[in-house]
Amino acid sequence: MKINYEEIHNLLIIKSSKIEEVKYHIIKNGVIKIKKQKIDLFCFITKTIISQQISDNVAQLIWNKFCSYFENDKPSLKKIPNINFLENILLNIGISKRKIAYITNFYNISKSNLIDEDVLEKKSESDFRDQLKKNPGIGRWTCDMTLIFFFQRLNIHPKNDLVIEKVKKRLCEIEKKEINFDKIFCPYLSIFSLHLWEMSKRVLK
């Protein structure tokens, strides 16, 4: 089903009508869309684990190095013949031993077909998290990123994201009141979260 992002944008503006600061930034941000990923689930989880607890710029540089080991810079689970091939790449791109362990563990599970993308897509948010969090290195934040950016779920609010929490706190300070963002912006919390990330560049100056 095609997502009407223009309609969602207009609804977010209406929902923020009593929160002037939020409304201003949503309008300034413009229509925000969740772009469909061009990588498979294994590579998306790998990219997300790489990005844990480091800056976006550094994460992108490391991810680019990872991609460079594959034809046309396009990695995929099918292009990784065995775990030794993967480990050599991970050692060369400069990530921690802990992250290497997380990624190779998820590789083994993916290769064994213990993770089924189609089954995951149909799971409830709670069941989805329960299944993925069984794997080392995959917590609430990684689950949220996967739900939003890989499966394009529209109502996910990544509460463990430090930037989002800082922006929410700052908005409450500016408005001089507590704001129940979850209640106001449901059922489009994913899109609203993308707005929070975007407005952080201005609100957190």
N, C-alpha and C. Protein backbone atom coordinates (compact mmCIF):
# COMPACT_ATOMS: atom_id res chain seq x y z
N MET A 1 0.84 -1.20 0.00
CA MET A 1 0.00 0.00 0.00
C MET A 1 0.88 1.25 0.00
N LYS A 2 0.57 2.16 -0.91
CA LYS A 2 1.35 3.39 -1.03
C LYS A 2 1.02 4.33 0.12
N ILE A 3 2.06 4.92 0.70
CA ILE A 3 1.88 5.84 1.82
C ILE A 3 1.76 7.26 1.31
N ASN A 4 0.72 7.95 1.73
CA ASN A 4 0.50 9.34 1.31
C ASN A 4 1.18 10.27 2.32
N TYR A 5 2.44 10.61 2.06
CA TYR A 5 3.22 11.41 3.01
C TYR A 5 2.74 12.85 3.07
N GLU A 6 2.21 13.36 1.97
CA GLU A 6 1.67 14.73 1.98
C GLU A 6 0.50 14.84 2.93
N GLU A 7 -0.36 13.82 2.90
CA GLU A 7 -1.53 13.81 3.79
C GLU A 7 -1.09 13.70 5.25
N ILE A 8 -0.11 12.85 5.51
CA ILE A 8 0.42 12.70 6.88
C ILE A 8 1.01 14.03 7.36
N HIS A 9 1.74 14.70 6.48
CA HIS A 9 2.34 15.99 6.82
C HIS A 9 1.27 17.00 7.23
N ASN A 10 0.21 17.07 6.47
CA ASN A 10 -0.88 18.01 6.78
C ASN A 10 -1.56 17.65 8.11
N LEU A 11 -1.68 16.35 8.39
CA LEU A 11 -2.29 15.92 9.65
C LEU A 11 -1.39 16.28 10.84
N LEU A 12 -0.08 16.16 10.66
CA LEU A 12 0.86 16.53 11.74
C LEU A 12 0.78 18.03 12.03
N ILE A 13 0.60 18.82 11.00
CA ILE A 13 0.45 20.27 11.19
C ILE A 13 -0.81 20.56 11.99
N ILE A 14 -1.90 19.86 11.66
CA ILE A 14 -3.16 20.04 12.39
C ILE A 14 -2.99 19.59 13.84
N LYS A 15 -2.34 18.44 14.04
CA LYS A 15 -2.14 17.92 15.39
C LYS A 15 -1.27 18.83 16.25
N SER A 16 -0.39 19.60 15.61
CA SER A 16 0.51 20.49 16.36
C SER A 16 -0.03 21.91 16.46
N SER A 17 -1.29 22.12 16.13
CA SER A 17 -1.87 23.47 16.07
C SER A 17 -1.80 24.22 17.40
N LYS A 18 -1.78 23.47 18.52
CA LYS A 18 -1.73 24.11 19.84
C LYS A 18 -0.31 24.14 20.42
N ILE A 19 0.66 23.71 19.59
CA ILE A 19 2.07 23.73 20.03
C ILE A 19 2.84 24.50 18.97
N GLU A 20 2.87 25.81 19.09
CA GLU A 20 3.38 26.69 18.03
C GLU A 20 4.81 26.36 17.59
N GLU A 21 5.69 26.08 18.56
CA GLU A 21 7.08 25.80 18.23
C GLU A 21 7.19 24.54 17.37
N VAL A 22 6.45 23.52 17.73
CA VAL A 22 6.46 22.27 16.99
C VAL A 22 5.87 22.47 15.60
N LYS A 23 4.76 23.17 15.54
CA LYS A 23 4.10 23.44 14.25
C LYS A 23 5.04 24.20 13.31
N TYR A 24 5.72 25.19 13.86
CA TYR A 24 6.66 25.99 13.05
C TYR A 24 7.73 25.10 12.41
N HIS A 25 8.31 24.20 13.21
CA HIS A 25 9.40 23.36 12.71
C HIS A 25 8.91 22.29 11.74
N ILE A 26 7.72 21.76 11.97
CA ILE A 26 7.17 20.76 11.04
C ILE A 26 6.94 21.40 9.67
N ILE A 27 6.40 22.62 9.68
CA ILE A 27 6.19 23.34 8.42
C ILE A 27 7.53 23.63 7.75
N LYS A 28 8.51 24.06 8.55
CA LYS A 28 9.84 24.39 8.01
C LYS A 28 10.53 23.15 7.44
N ASN A 29 10.35 22.02 8.11
CA ASN A 29 10.96 20.77 7.63
C ASN A 29 10.37 20.33 6.29
N GLY A 30 9.10 20.60 6.10
CA GLY A 30 8.42 20.14 4.88
C GLY A 30 8.04 18.67 4.97
N VAL A 31 7.55 18.14 3.88
CA VAL A 31 7.12 16.75 3.84
C VAL A 31 8.34 15.83 4.01
N ILE A 32 8.24 14.91 4.98
CA ILE A 32 9.32 13.95 5.24
C ILE A 32 8.83 12.56 4.89
N LYS A 33 9.65 11.83 4.14
CA LYS A 33 9.28 10.48 3.72
C LYS A 33 10.28 9.46 4.26
N ILE A 34 9.80 8.24 4.47
CA ILE A 34 10.69 7.14 4.83
C ILE A 34 11.10 6.44 3.53
N LYS A 35 12.35 6.56 3.18
CA LYS A 35 12.82 5.98 1.92
C LYS A 35 12.96 4.46 2.05
N LYS A 36 12.50 3.75 1.04
CA LYS A 36 12.61 2.29 1.03
C LYS A 36 14.08 1.91 0.92
N GLN A 37 14.50 0.96 1.75
CA GLN A 37 15.89 0.55 1.78
C GLN A 37 16.26 -0.27 0.53
N LYS A 38 17.52 -0.10 0.10
CA LYS A 38 18.00 -0.84 -1.07
C LYS A 38 18.91 -1.99 -0.65
N ILE A 39 18.93 -2.29 0.65
CA ILE A 39 19.74 -3.39 1.16
C ILE A 39 18.82 -4.39 1.87
N ASP A 40 19.33 -5.62 2.05
CA ASP A 40 18.51 -6.65 2.70
C ASP A 40 18.56 -6.47 4.22
N LEU A 41 17.77 -7.28 4.91
CA LEU A 41 17.63 -7.14 6.36
C LEU A 41 18.95 -7.34 7.08
N PHE A 42 19.73 -8.35 6.67
CA PHE A 42 21.01 -8.59 7.33
C PHE A 42 21.91 -7.36 7.23
N CYS A 43 22.00 -6.78 6.04
CA CYS A 43 22.86 -5.61 5.85
C CYS A 43 22.33 -4.40 6.61
N PHE A 44 21.02 -4.28 6.69
CA PHE A 44 20.45 -3.16 7.44
C PHE A 44 20.80 -3.28 8.92
N ILE A 45 20.65 -4.49 9.48
CA ILE A 45 21.00 -4.71 10.89
C ILE A 45 22.49 -4.47 11.10
N THR A 46 23.31 -4.91 10.16
CA THR A 46 24.76 -4.68 10.24
C THR A 46 25.06 -3.18 10.28
N LYS A 47 24.44 -2.45 9.38
CA LYS A 47 24.63 -1.00 9.32
C LYS A 47 24.20 -0.33 10.62
N THR A 48 23.10 -0.81 11.19
CA THR A 48 22.57 -0.22 12.42
C THR A 48 23.48 -0.53 13.61
N ILE A 49 23.99 -1.76 13.68
CA ILE A 49 24.92 -2.12 14.75
C ILE A 49 26.20 -1.28 14.64
N ILE A 50 26.70 -1.11 13.43
CA ILE A 50 27.88 -0.27 13.22
C ILE A 50 27.66 1.14 13.77
N SER A 51 26.45 1.67 13.58
CA SER A 51 26.16 3.06 13.94
C SER A 51 25.88 3.27 15.42
N GLN A 52 25.80 2.18 16.20
CA GLN A 52 25.50 2.31 17.62
C GLN A 52 26.59 3.10 18.36
N GLN A 53 26.17 4.13 19.09
CA GLN A 53 27.03 4.89 20.00
C GLN A 53 28.20 5.61 19.32
N ILE A 54 28.06 5.91 18.03
CA ILE A 54 29.05 6.75 17.35
C ILE A 54 28.31 7.81 16.53
N SER A 55 29.00 8.83 16.10
CA SER A 55 28.36 9.91 15.35
C SER A 55 27.90 9.42 13.98
N ASP A 56 26.93 10.10 13.41
CA ASP A 56 26.40 9.74 12.09
C ASP A 56 27.49 9.77 11.02
N ASN A 57 28.36 10.78 11.09
CA ASN A 57 29.43 10.92 10.09
C ASN A 57 30.42 9.76 10.13
N VAL A 58 30.83 9.40 11.34
CA VAL A 58 31.76 8.27 11.50
C VAL A 58 31.10 6.97 11.06
N ALA A 59 29.83 6.80 11.45
CA ALA A 59 29.09 5.59 11.07
C ALA A 59 29.00 5.45 9.55
N GLN A 60 28.77 6.56 8.87
CA GLN A 60 28.65 6.52 7.41
C GLN A 60 29.98 6.17 6.75
N LEU A 61 31.07 6.71 7.30
CA LEU A 61 32.40 6.39 6.77
C LEU A 61 32.70 4.90 6.89
N ILE A 62 32.39 4.34 8.05
CA ILE A 62 32.64 2.91 8.29
C ILE A 62 31.75 2.06 7.38
N TRP A 63 30.49 2.47 7.25
CA TRP A 63 29.58 1.73 6.38
C TRP A 63 30.07 1.77 4.93
N ASN A 64 30.56 2.92 4.50
CA ASN A 64 31.09 3.03 3.13
C ASN A 64 32.26 2.08 2.92
N LYS A 65 33.10 1.94 3.96
CA LYS A 65 34.23 0.99 3.87
C LYS A 65 33.70 -0.43 3.72
N PHE A 66 32.68 -0.76 4.50
CA PHE A 66 32.08 -2.09 4.43
C PHE A 66 31.57 -2.36 3.01
N CYS A 67 30.85 -1.41 2.47
CA CYS A 67 30.27 -1.56 1.12
C CYS A 67 31.34 -1.72 0.04
N SER A 68 32.50 -1.10 0.26
CA SER A 68 33.56 -1.11 -0.76
C SER A 68 34.11 -2.51 -1.03
N TYR A 69 33.82 -3.46 -0.15
CA TYR A 69 34.31 -4.82 -0.33
C TYR A 69 33.40 -5.65 -1.24
N PHE A 70 32.32 -5.02 -1.70
CA PHE A 70 31.35 -5.74 -2.52
C PHE A 70 31.26 -5.12 -3.92
N GLU A 71 30.89 -5.95 -4.88
CA GLU A 71 30.74 -5.49 -6.27
C GLU A 71 29.75 -4.34 -6.34
N ASN A 72 30.15 -3.27 -7.00
CA ASN A 72 29.31 -2.06 -7.16
C ASN A 72 28.94 -1.42 -5.83
N ASP A 73 29.74 -1.71 -4.78
CA ASP A 73 29.47 -1.15 -3.45
C ASP A 73 28.09 -1.51 -2.93
N LYS A 74 27.59 -2.69 -3.33
CA LYS A 74 26.24 -3.12 -2.93
C LYS A 74 26.32 -4.44 -2.17
N PRO A 75 26.41 -4.36 -0.84
CA PRO A 75 26.50 -5.59 -0.05
C PRO A 75 25.16 -6.32 0.03
N SER A 76 25.22 -7.61 0.26
CA SER A 76 24.01 -8.40 0.52
C SER A 76 24.43 -9.69 1.19
N LEU A 77 23.50 -10.31 1.87
CA LEU A 77 23.78 -11.58 2.54
C LEU A 77 24.25 -12.63 1.53
N LYS A 78 23.66 -12.64 0.35
CA LYS A 78 24.00 -13.63 -0.68
C LYS A 78 25.44 -13.49 -1.17
N LYS A 79 26.00 -12.29 -1.04
CA LYS A 79 27.37 -12.04 -1.53
C LYS A 79 28.43 -12.40 -0.49
N ILE A 80 28.00 -12.88 0.68
CA ILE A 80 28.95 -13.25 1.73
C ILE A 80 29.01 -14.78 1.77
N PRO A 81 30.07 -15.38 1.21
CA PRO A 81 30.12 -16.84 1.06
C PRO A 81 30.27 -17.61 2.38
N ASN A 82 30.94 -16.99 3.34
CA ASN A 82 31.16 -17.67 4.62
C ASN A 82 31.52 -16.65 5.70
N ILE A 83 31.56 -17.11 6.93
CA ILE A 83 31.77 -16.21 8.06
C ILE A 83 33.20 -15.64 8.08
N ASN A 84 34.17 -16.39 7.56
CA ASN A 84 35.55 -15.88 7.52
C ASN A 84 35.66 -14.66 6.61
N PHE A 85 34.95 -14.71 5.49
CA PHE A 85 34.91 -13.58 4.56
C PHE A 85 34.37 -12.35 5.27
N LEU A 86 33.27 -12.53 6.02
CA LEU A 86 32.65 -11.43 6.75
C LEU A 86 33.56 -10.90 7.85
N GLU A 87 34.16 -11.81 8.62
CA GLU A 87 35.03 -11.39 9.73
C GLU A 87 36.22 -10.57 9.23
N ASN A 88 36.79 -10.97 8.10
CA ASN A 88 37.93 -10.22 7.55
C ASN A 88 37.53 -8.79 7.19
N ILE A 89 36.36 -8.64 6.61
CA ILE A 89 35.87 -7.30 6.28
C ILE A 89 35.67 -6.48 7.55
N LEU A 90 35.02 -7.07 8.54
CA LEU A 90 34.71 -6.34 9.78
C LEU A 90 35.98 -5.94 10.53
N LEU A 91 36.99 -6.80 10.49
CA LEU A 91 38.28 -6.46 11.12
C LEU A 91 38.95 -5.29 10.41
N ASN A 92 38.81 -5.26 9.10
CA ASN A 92 39.48 -4.22 8.31
C ASN A 92 38.81 -2.86 8.36
N ILE A 93 37.53 -2.82 8.70
CA ILE A 93 36.84 -1.51 8.69
C ILE A 93 36.93 -0.79 10.04
N GLY A 94 37.49 -1.47 11.04
CA GLY A 94 37.79 -0.77 12.29
C GLY A 94 36.64 -0.64 13.27
N ILE A 95 35.88 -1.71 13.47
CA ILE A 95 34.84 -1.67 14.51
C ILE A 95 35.28 -2.56 15.68
N SER A 96 34.62 -2.41 16.80
CA SER A 96 35.03 -3.13 18.01
C SER A 96 34.78 -4.63 17.90
N LYS A 97 35.51 -5.39 18.70
CA LYS A 97 35.34 -6.85 18.72
C LYS A 97 33.92 -7.22 19.13
N ARG A 98 33.34 -6.41 20.00
CA ARG A 98 31.97 -6.68 20.45
C ARG A 98 30.98 -6.55 19.29
N LYS A 99 31.14 -5.48 18.50
CA LYS A 99 30.25 -5.30 17.35
C LYS A 99 30.46 -6.39 16.30
N ILE A 100 31.71 -6.82 16.14
CA ILE A 100 31.99 -7.92 15.20
C ILE A 100 31.25 -9.18 15.65
N ALA A 101 31.27 -9.44 16.95
CA ALA A 101 30.57 -10.61 17.49
C ALA A 101 29.07 -10.52 17.25
N TYR A 102 28.51 -9.32 17.45
CA TYR A 102 27.07 -9.11 17.23
C TYR A 102 26.70 -9.39 15.77
N ILE A 103 27.51 -8.85 14.87
CA ILE A 103 27.19 -8.96 13.43
C ILE A 103 27.37 -10.40 12.94
N THR A 104 28.44 -11.06 13.37
CA THR A 104 28.66 -12.44 12.92
C THR A 104 27.59 -13.37 13.50
N ASN A 105 27.14 -13.09 14.71
CA ASN A 105 26.05 -13.88 15.29
C ASN A 105 24.79 -13.73 14.44
N PHE A 106 24.48 -12.50 14.05
CA PHE A 106 23.28 -12.28 13.25
C PHE A 106 23.45 -12.88 11.85
N TYR A 107 24.67 -12.91 11.36
CA TYR A 107 24.96 -13.56 10.07
C TYR A 107 24.62 -15.05 10.15
N ASN A 108 25.08 -15.71 11.20
CA ASN A 108 24.82 -17.14 11.36
C ASN A 108 23.32 -17.43 11.42
N ILE A 109 22.61 -16.58 12.15
CA ILE A 109 21.15 -16.76 12.27
C ILE A 109 20.46 -16.53 10.92
N SER A 110 20.92 -15.52 10.21
CA SER A 110 20.34 -15.20 8.90
C SER A 110 20.61 -16.30 7.89
N LYS A 111 21.84 -16.82 7.88
CA LYS A 111 22.21 -17.89 6.95
C LYS A 111 21.46 -19.19 7.26
N SER A 112 21.11 -19.38 8.53
CA SER A 112 20.39 -20.59 8.95
C SER A 112 18.89 -20.47 8.76
N ASN A 113 18.47 -19.32 8.19
CA ASN A 113 17.04 -19.05 7.96
C ASN A 113 16.22 -19.03 9.25
N LEU A 114 16.88 -18.67 10.36
CA LEU A 114 16.15 -18.55 11.63
C LEU A 114 15.46 -17.20 11.74
N ILE A 115 15.81 -16.29 10.84
CA ILE A 115 15.14 -15.00 10.74
C ILE A 115 14.44 -14.94 9.39
N ASP A 116 13.13 -14.80 9.41
CA ASP A 116 12.35 -14.73 8.18
C ASP A 116 11.78 -13.34 8.04
N GLU A 117 12.26 -12.62 7.03
CA GLU A 117 11.85 -11.22 6.83
C GLU A 117 10.34 -11.08 6.67
N ASP A 118 9.73 -11.99 5.93
CA ASP A 118 8.28 -11.92 5.69
C ASP A 118 7.50 -12.15 6.97
N VAL A 119 7.98 -13.07 7.80
CA VAL A 119 7.31 -13.34 9.08
C VAL A 119 7.46 -12.16 10.02
N LEU A 120 8.67 -11.60 10.06
CA LEU A 120 8.93 -10.43 10.91
C LEU A 120 8.01 -9.26 10.54
N GLU A 121 7.84 -9.06 9.24
CA GLU A 121 7.05 -7.93 8.75
C GLU A 121 5.61 -7.96 9.25
N LYS A 122 5.10 -9.18 9.48
CA LYS A 122 3.70 -9.35 9.89
C LYS A 122 3.52 -9.32 11.40
N LYS A 123 4.61 -9.34 12.14
CA LYS A 123 4.52 -9.38 13.60
C LYS A 123 4.08 -8.05 14.19
N SER A 124 3.46 -8.11 15.34
CA SER A 124 3.14 -6.88 16.08
C SER A 124 4.43 -6.24 16.54
N GLU A 125 4.36 -4.98 16.90
CA GLU A 125 5.54 -4.25 17.37
C GLU A 125 6.21 -4.97 18.54
N SER A 126 5.39 -5.43 19.47
CA SER A 126 5.90 -6.10 20.66
C SER A 126 6.57 -7.43 20.32
N ASP A 127 5.90 -8.24 19.50
CA ASP A 127 6.46 -9.54 19.13
C ASP A 127 7.72 -9.37 18.28
N PHE A 128 7.72 -8.35 17.44
CA PHE A 128 8.88 -8.05 16.61
C PHE A 128 10.09 -7.79 17.50
N ARG A 129 9.92 -6.92 18.50
CA ARG A 129 11.02 -6.59 19.41
C ARG A 129 11.47 -7.81 20.18
N ASP A 130 10.51 -8.59 20.67
CA ASP A 130 10.84 -9.78 21.46
C ASP A 130 11.73 -10.74 20.66
N GLN A 131 11.42 -10.92 19.39
CA GLN A 131 12.22 -11.85 18.58
C GLN A 131 13.61 -11.30 18.28
N LEU A 132 13.68 -10.05 17.85
CA LEU A 132 14.99 -9.49 17.48
C LEU A 132 15.90 -9.31 18.69
N LYS A 133 15.31 -8.95 19.82
CA LYS A 133 16.12 -8.69 21.02
C LYS A 133 16.73 -9.95 21.63
N LYS A 134 16.36 -11.09 21.11
CA LYS A 134 16.99 -12.33 21.55
C LYS A 134 18.44 -12.40 21.08
N ASN A 135 18.75 -11.58 20.07
CA ASN A 135 20.10 -11.60 19.49
C ASN A 135 21.00 -10.57 20.17
N PRO A 136 22.22 -10.95 20.55
CA PRO A 136 23.14 -10.02 21.20
C PRO A 136 23.38 -8.78 20.35
N GLY A 137 23.40 -7.62 20.98
CA GLY A 137 23.68 -6.37 20.28
C GLY A 137 22.46 -5.72 19.68
N ILE A 138 21.31 -6.38 19.77
CA ILE A 138 20.08 -5.80 19.24
C ILE A 138 19.14 -5.48 20.39
N GLY A 139 19.03 -4.19 20.68
CA GLY A 139 18.16 -3.73 21.75
C GLY A 139 16.99 -2.93 21.22
N ARG A 140 16.37 -2.16 22.10
CA ARG A 140 15.18 -1.38 21.73
C ARG A 140 15.47 -0.41 20.57
N TRP A 141 16.61 0.29 20.64
CA TRP A 141 16.93 1.30 19.61
C TRP A 141 17.09 0.66 18.23
N THR A 142 17.83 -0.44 18.16
CA THR A 142 18.04 -1.12 16.88
C THR A 142 16.72 -1.65 16.33
N CYS A 143 15.87 -2.17 17.21
CA CYS A 143 14.54 -2.63 16.79
C CYS A 143 13.73 -1.48 16.21
N ASP A 144 13.77 -0.34 16.89
CA ASP A 144 13.00 0.83 16.42
C ASP A 144 13.50 1.31 15.06
N MET A 145 14.82 1.36 14.89
CA MET A 145 15.38 1.79 13.61
C MET A 145 14.95 0.84 12.48
N THR A 146 14.90 -0.45 12.80
CA THR A 146 14.51 -1.45 11.81
C THR A 146 13.03 -1.33 11.46
N LEU A 147 12.21 -1.13 12.48
CA LEU A 147 10.77 -0.96 12.25
C LEU A 147 10.48 0.27 11.40
N ILE A 148 11.19 1.36 11.69
CA ILE A 148 10.94 2.61 10.96
C ILE A 148 11.52 2.56 9.55
N PHE A 149 12.81 2.31 9.46
CA PHE A 149 13.52 2.52 8.20
C PHE A 149 13.52 1.30 7.27
N PHE A 150 13.40 0.10 7.82
CA PHE A 150 13.39 -1.07 6.96
C PHE A 150 11.97 -1.52 6.63
N PHE A 151 11.13 -1.59 7.67
CA PHE A 151 9.76 -2.07 7.45
C PHE A 151 8.75 -0.93 7.28
N GLN A 152 9.21 0.31 7.40
CA GLN A 152 8.39 1.49 7.16
C GLN A 152 7.12 1.52 8.01
N ARG A 153 7.26 1.14 9.28
CA ARG A 153 6.14 1.25 10.22
C ARG A 153 5.96 2.73 10.56
N LEU A 154 4.74 3.18 10.59
CA LEU A 154 4.47 4.62 10.71
C LEU A 154 4.29 5.12 12.14
N ASN A 155 4.14 4.21 13.10
CA ASN A 155 3.81 4.67 14.45
C ASN A 155 4.82 4.19 15.50
N ILE A 156 6.10 4.36 15.21
CA ILE A 156 7.17 3.95 16.13
C ILE A 156 7.84 5.19 16.71
N HIS A 157 7.97 5.21 18.02
CA HIS A 157 8.62 6.34 18.68
C HIS A 157 9.87 5.84 19.41
N PRO A 158 11.05 6.06 18.86
CA PRO A 158 12.29 5.55 19.47
C PRO A 158 12.67 6.31 20.74
N LYS A 159 12.12 5.87 21.85
CA LYS A 159 12.30 6.59 23.11
C LYS A 159 13.72 6.50 23.66
N ASN A 160 14.50 5.54 23.18
CA ASN A 160 15.88 5.40 23.65
C ASN A 160 16.86 6.25 22.86
N ASP A 161 16.34 7.04 21.91
CA ASP A 161 17.21 7.88 21.10
C ASP A 161 17.50 9.18 21.85
N LEU A 162 18.78 9.43 22.12
CA LEU A 162 19.17 10.58 22.94
C LEU A 162 18.81 11.92 22.29
N VAL A 163 18.99 12.02 20.98
CA VAL A 163 18.67 13.28 20.28
C VAL A 163 17.18 13.59 20.40
N ILE A 164 16.36 12.59 20.16
CA ILE A 164 14.91 12.79 20.25
C ILE A 164 14.50 13.21 21.65
N GLU A 165 15.07 12.57 22.66
CA GLU A 165 14.72 12.92 24.04
C GLU A 165 15.14 14.35 24.38
N LYS A 166 16.31 14.76 23.88
CA LYS A 166 16.77 16.13 24.13
C LYS A 166 15.87 17.16 23.44
N VAL A 167 15.44 16.85 22.21
CA VAL A 167 14.56 17.78 21.48
C VAL A 167 13.22 17.89 22.19
N LYS A 168 12.67 16.77 22.61
CA LYS A 168 11.38 16.79 23.31
C LYS A 168 11.46 17.63 24.59
N LYS A 169 12.55 17.44 25.32
CA LYS A 169 12.75 18.20 26.56
C LYS A 169 12.84 19.69 26.26
N ARG A 170 13.60 20.02 25.22
CA ARG A 170 13.78 21.43 24.85
C ARG A 170 12.46 22.05 24.40
N LEU A 171 11.66 21.31 23.64
CA LEU A 171 10.36 21.82 23.18
C LEU A 171 9.43 22.11 24.36
N CYS A 172 9.46 21.24 25.36
CA CYS A 172 8.65 21.46 26.56
C CYS A 172 9.11 22.72 27.29
N GLU A 173 10.41 22.95 27.32
CA GLU A 173 10.95 24.16 27.95
C GLU A 173 10.50 25.41 27.20
N ILE A 174 10.56 25.36 25.89
CA ILE A 174 10.16 26.51 25.06
C ILE A 174 8.67 26.80 25.23
N GLU A 175 7.87 25.74 25.23
CA GLU A 175 6.42 25.89 25.35
C GLU A 175 5.97 26.13 26.80
N LYS A 176 6.91 25.88 27.74
CA LYS A 176 6.64 26.06 29.17
C LYS A 176 5.48 25.19 29.66
N LYS A 177 5.48 23.94 29.17
CA LYS A 177 4.45 22.99 29.61
C LYS A 177 4.89 21.58 29.22
N GLU A 178 4.33 20.60 29.92
CA GLU A 178 4.59 19.21 29.56
C GLU A 178 3.74 18.85 28.35
N ILE A 179 4.32 18.13 27.41
CA ILE A 179 3.62 17.77 26.18
C ILE A 179 3.63 16.25 26.03
N ASN A 180 2.46 15.67 25.85
CA ASN A 180 2.34 14.23 25.64
C ASN A 180 2.46 13.95 24.14
N PHE A 181 3.69 13.89 23.65
CA PHE A 181 3.93 13.73 22.22
C PHE A 181 3.33 12.43 21.68
N ASP A 182 3.43 11.35 22.46
CA ASP A 182 2.91 10.06 22.01
C ASP A 182 1.42 10.14 21.70
N LYS A 183 0.70 10.77 22.60
CA LYS A 183 -0.76 10.87 22.44
C LYS A 183 -1.14 11.78 21.28
N ILE A 184 -0.46 12.92 21.19
CA ILE A 184 -0.82 13.93 20.18
C ILE A 184 -0.51 13.44 18.76
N PHE A 185 0.64 12.81 18.57
CA PHE A 185 1.10 12.51 17.21
C PHE A 185 0.89 11.05 16.78
N CYS A 186 0.24 10.25 17.61
CA CYS A 186 -0.20 8.93 17.21
C CYS A 186 -1.28 9.10 16.12
N PRO A 187 -1.31 8.32 15.08
CA PRO A 187 -0.55 7.11 14.74
C PRO A 187 0.60 7.35 13.75
N TYR A 188 1.23 8.52 13.85
CA TYR A 188 2.32 8.84 12.92
C TYR A 188 3.59 9.22 13.66
N LEU A 189 3.89 8.45 14.72
CA LEU A 189 5.04 8.78 15.55
C LEU A 189 6.38 8.59 14.83
N SER A 190 6.42 7.69 13.86
CA SER A 190 7.66 7.51 13.08
C SER A 190 7.99 8.78 12.31
N ILE A 191 6.99 9.31 11.62
CA ILE A 191 7.21 10.52 10.83
C ILE A 191 7.50 11.69 11.76
N PHE A 192 6.80 11.75 12.88
CA PHE A 192 7.06 12.83 13.84
C PHE A 192 8.49 12.73 14.39
N SER A 193 8.96 11.50 14.61
CA SER A 193 10.33 11.31 15.10
C SER A 193 11.35 11.81 14.08
N LEU A 194 11.06 11.59 12.80
CA LEU A 194 11.94 12.11 11.76
C LEU A 194 11.96 13.64 11.78
N HIS A 195 10.82 14.23 12.08
CA HIS A 195 10.77 15.69 12.23
C HIS A 195 11.61 16.14 13.42
N LEU A 196 11.55 15.39 14.52
CA LEU A 196 12.34 15.75 15.71
C LEU A 196 13.83 15.70 15.38
N TRP A 197 14.27 14.66 14.67
CA TRP A 197 15.68 14.59 14.27
C TRP A 197 16.07 15.78 13.42
N GLU A 198 15.20 16.13 12.48
CA GLU A 198 15.48 17.24 11.58
C GLU A 198 15.51 18.56 12.33
N MET A 199 14.57 18.77 13.23
CA MET A 199 14.51 20.05 13.94
C MET A 199 15.59 20.16 15.02
N SER A 200 16.24 19.04 15.35
CA SER A 200 17.31 19.08 16.35
C SER A 200 18.44 20.02 15.91
N LYS A 201 18.63 20.14 14.59
CA LYS A 201 19.69 21.00 14.05
C LYS A 201 19.45 22.46 14.42
N ARG A 202 18.20 22.81 14.66
CA ARG A 202 17.86 24.19 15.02
C ARG A 202 17.55 24.34 16.51
N VAL A 203 16.78 23.40 17.04
CA VAL A 203 16.31 23.50 18.43
C VAL A 203 17.43 23.32 19.44
N LEU A 204 18.42 22.49 19.11
CA LEU A 204 19.49 22.17 20.07
C LEU A 204 20.75 23.01 19.87
N LYS A 205 20.65 24.10 19.14
CA LYS A 205 21.81 24.96 18.92
C LYS A 205 22.29 25.57 20.23
